[in-house]
Amino acid sequence: MGLKNDIQKALMKSLGPDAVGEGNVPEVAQDLTDAIIKFLKKQSFRITEMRAILELEKFQTSSDLQADVLTNVSVTTTNITGTPSGGGGIIPGTGSGKGNVTSGKRGVKVPKLNFRGGQSKEKSPQGGVLTARGHAYIGSNPVVSGETNVRNTIVKLLDEDIVDK
């Protein structure tokens, strides 16, 4: 079994039934095995297709997100309208002005997130530039055991990459 044994069988087959003994076939088979291994170790193999499992370790924006206040949010102001000398009465808590919402839920709307990556020349409409960092795993998955992607990755030795043909 193995490469050397396969080469040895191929050599014996090519010598045919008239060959007298094995002669140097085992040595030639070993030399060919060593040459093939040496050749393969010199090569750079290229991933030609890959689907990798990704663990996203960091996901953040470069600036704060903006939100829209919904129309159903009301604010009670503490300003006072009217003046004592203007003939009108002083009415507390009416009119328009700034106020603070101190509690409540569902009063602010954050639109769908629309980020652009860090290499984009165009800034995202919200949150600035997206920074995402992580690791892609090929083979066994350290993040979710039992999930693998081995059958989704293809590695080839391309003709243009072969060294010492």
Protein backbone atom coordinates (compact mmCIF):
# COMPACT_ATOMS: atom_id res chain seq x y z
CA MET A 1 0.00 0.00 0.00
CA GLY A 2 1.06 3.55 -0.56
CA LEU A 3 2.78 5.51 -3.29
CA LYS A 4 5.96 3.41 -3.41
CA ASN A 5 4.01 0.14 -3.64
CA ASP A 6 1.79 1.57 -6.40
CA ILE A 7 4.85 2.70 -8.37
CA GLN A 8 6.48 -0.68 -7.88
CA LYS A 9 3.36 -2.45 -9.19
CA ALA A 10 3.21 -0.11 -12.19
CA LEU A 11 6.87 -0.79 -13.02
CA MET A 12 6.41 -4.56 -12.74
CA LYS A 13 3.31 -4.35 -14.93
CA SER A 14 5.19 -2.34 -17.57
CA LEU A 15 8.05 -4.89 -17.62
CA GLY A 16 5.54 -7.55 -18.52
CA PRO A 17 5.38 -11.27 -17.82
CA ASP A 18 8.79 -11.90 -19.39
CA ALA A 19 10.66 -9.97 -16.68
CA VAL A 20 13.07 -12.04 -14.67
CA GLY A 21 12.55 -11.13 -11.02
CA GLU A 22 12.11 -7.66 -9.63
CA GLY A 23 15.69 -6.51 -10.17
CA ASN A 24 16.05 -2.87 -9.13
CA VAL A 25 12.30 -2.16 -9.21
CA PRO A 26 12.01 -1.56 -5.42
CA GLU A 27 14.90 0.95 -5.52
CA VAL A 28 13.51 2.68 -8.62
CA ALA A 29 10.06 2.82 -6.99
CA GLN A 30 11.57 4.42 -3.86
CA ASP A 31 13.52 6.94 -5.96
CA LEU A 32 10.37 7.88 -7.88
CA THR A 33 8.41 8.18 -4.63
CA ASP A 34 11.05 10.49 -3.15
CA ALA A 35 11.12 12.58 -6.35
CA ILE A 36 7.33 12.98 -6.39
CA ILE A 37 7.22 13.98 -2.72
CA LYS A 38 10.06 16.47 -3.21
CA PHE A 39 8.27 17.91 -6.25
CA LEU A 40 4.94 18.28 -4.42
CA LYS A 41 6.57 19.97 -1.42
CA LYS A 42 7.93 22.71 -3.71
CA GLN A 43 4.49 23.56 -5.04
CA SER A 44 2.12 26.26 -3.87
CA PHE A 45 -1.45 25.11 -3.94
CA ARG A 46 -4.16 27.71 -4.50
CA ILE A 47 -7.64 27.83 -3.02
CA THR A 48 -9.87 28.13 -6.08
CA GLU A 49 -13.22 27.97 -4.29
CA MET A 50 -13.93 28.58 -0.64
CA ARG A 51 -16.89 28.84 1.65
CA ALA A 52 -15.56 29.43 5.12
CA ILE A 53 -17.23 29.63 8.49
CA LEU A 54 -16.73 33.14 9.85
CA GLU A 55 -16.56 34.16 13.48
CA LEU A 56 -17.17 37.92 13.67
CA GLU A 57 -15.31 39.13 16.73
CA LYS A 58 -15.74 42.88 16.35
CA PHE A 59 -18.56 44.88 14.74
CA GLN A 60 -18.70 48.60 15.40
CA THR A 61 -19.16 51.95 13.70
CA SER A 62 -16.83 54.89 13.75
CA SER A 63 -19.52 57.27 14.98
CA ASP A 64 -22.85 57.32 16.80
CA LEU A 65 -26.06 56.35 15.06
CA GLN A 66 -28.69 59.02 14.51
CA ALA A 67 -32.34 58.33 15.28
CA ASP A 68 -35.62 60.02 14.37
CA VAL A 69 -38.08 61.00 17.12
CA LEU A 70 -41.49 59.59 16.28
CA THR A 71 -44.45 61.93 15.91
CA ASN A 72 -46.34 60.32 18.80
CA VAL A 73 -43.73 61.51 21.34
CA SER A 74 -44.97 64.47 23.37
CA VAL A 75 -42.97 66.74 25.61
CA THR A 76 -44.26 68.97 28.38
CA THR A 77 -42.34 72.20 28.44
CA THR A 78 -41.54 74.27 31.48
CA ASN A 79 -41.53 77.62 29.73
CA ILE A 80 -44.17 80.23 30.47
CA THR A 81 -46.04 82.18 27.84
CA GLY A 82 -47.53 85.62 28.25
CA THR A 83 -46.23 88.48 30.31
CA PRO A 84 -47.67 90.27 33.35
CA SER A 85 -47.47 93.65 31.60
CA GLY A 86 -48.80 92.50 28.23
CA GLY A 87 -52.33 92.26 29.42
CA GLY A 88 -52.47 88.53 29.08
CA GLY A 89 -52.39 86.06 31.86
CA ILE A 90 -49.37 83.98 32.71
CA ILE A 91 -50.11 80.38 31.77
CA PRO A 92 -47.51 77.87 32.98
CA GLY A 93 -46.67 74.81 30.93
CA THR A 94 -48.05 75.93 27.58
CA GLY A 95 -46.58 77.02 24.32
CA SER A 96 -43.67 75.60 22.39
CA GLY A 97 -40.14 75.13 23.50
CA LYS A 98 -37.55 72.58 24.40
CA GLY A 99 -38.16 69.86 26.91
CA ASN A 100 -36.67 66.61 28.11
CA VAL A 101 -38.25 63.21 27.77
CA THR A 102 -37.40 61.43 31.00
CA SER A 103 -38.99 58.05 30.34
CA GLY A 104 -40.91 56.10 27.75
CA LYS A 105 -40.57 53.37 25.17
CA ARG A 106 -40.77 53.25 21.40
CA GLY A 107 -40.34 56.95 21.01
CA VAL A 108 -37.26 56.89 18.78
CA LYS A 109 -36.89 55.20 15.40
CA VAL A 110 -33.49 53.92 14.22
CA PRO A 111 -33.74 53.28 10.46
CA LYS A 112 -32.50 50.04 8.87
CA LEU A 113 -28.74 49.87 9.21
CA ASN A 114 -26.90 50.70 5.99
CA PHE A 115 -23.14 50.46 6.45
CA ARG A 116 -20.27 50.70 4.03
CA GLY A 117 -17.04 48.83 4.69
CA GLY A 118 -13.84 50.46 5.89
CA GLN A 119 -12.32 50.49 2.38
CA SER A 120 -15.26 52.36 0.85
CA LYS A 121 -14.58 55.92 -0.29
CA GLU A 122 -18.19 56.82 0.44
CA LYS A 123 -19.24 57.31 4.05
CA SER A 124 -22.22 55.40 5.33
CA PRO A 125 -25.38 57.44 5.75
CA GLN A 126 -25.45 56.37 9.38
CA GLY A 127 -22.80 55.44 11.88
CA GLY A 128 -19.81 56.39 9.74
CA VAL A 129 -17.54 53.56 8.63
CA LEU A 130 -18.22 49.98 9.65
CA THR A 131 -15.34 48.10 11.24
CA ALA A 132 -15.75 44.33 11.25
CA ARG A 133 -12.99 41.92 12.22
CA GLY A 134 -13.02 38.18 12.54
CA HIS A 135 -11.52 34.88 11.48
CA ALA A 136 -12.52 32.47 8.73
CA TYR A 137 -12.13 28.80 9.51
CA ILE A 138 -11.57 26.08 6.93
CA GLY A 139 -12.15 22.53 8.08
CA SER A 140 -13.29 21.80 11.60
CA ASN A 141 -15.21 24.62 13.21
CA PRO A 142 -13.95 25.80 16.62
CA VAL A 143 -16.98 28.09 17.00
CA VAL A 144 -19.81 25.58 16.51
CA SER A 145 -18.62 22.01 16.94
CA GLY A 146 -20.07 19.56 14.47
CA GLU A 147 -20.45 22.20 11.74
CA THR A 148 -17.88 21.89 8.99
CA ASN A 149 -17.28 23.29 5.55
CA VAL A 150 -14.67 20.86 4.27
CA ARG A 151 -16.73 19.88 1.24
CA ASN A 152 -17.23 23.54 0.29
CA THR A 153 -13.53 24.32 -0.22
CA ILE A 154 -11.43 23.31 -3.25
CA VAL A 155 -7.64 23.52 -3.36
CA LYS A 156 -5.83 22.91 -6.66
CA LEU A 157 -2.34 22.90 -8.10
CA LEU A 158 -2.71 25.11 -11.17
CA ASP A 159 -0.46 24.62 -14.20
CA GLU A 160 0.85 28.18 -14.03
CA ASP A 161 1.94 27.63 -10.41
CA ILE A 162 3.99 24.47 -11.00
CA VAL A 163 7.65 24.90 -10.06
CA ASP A 164 10.45 22.79 -11.66
CA LYS A 165 8.32 20.92 -14.25
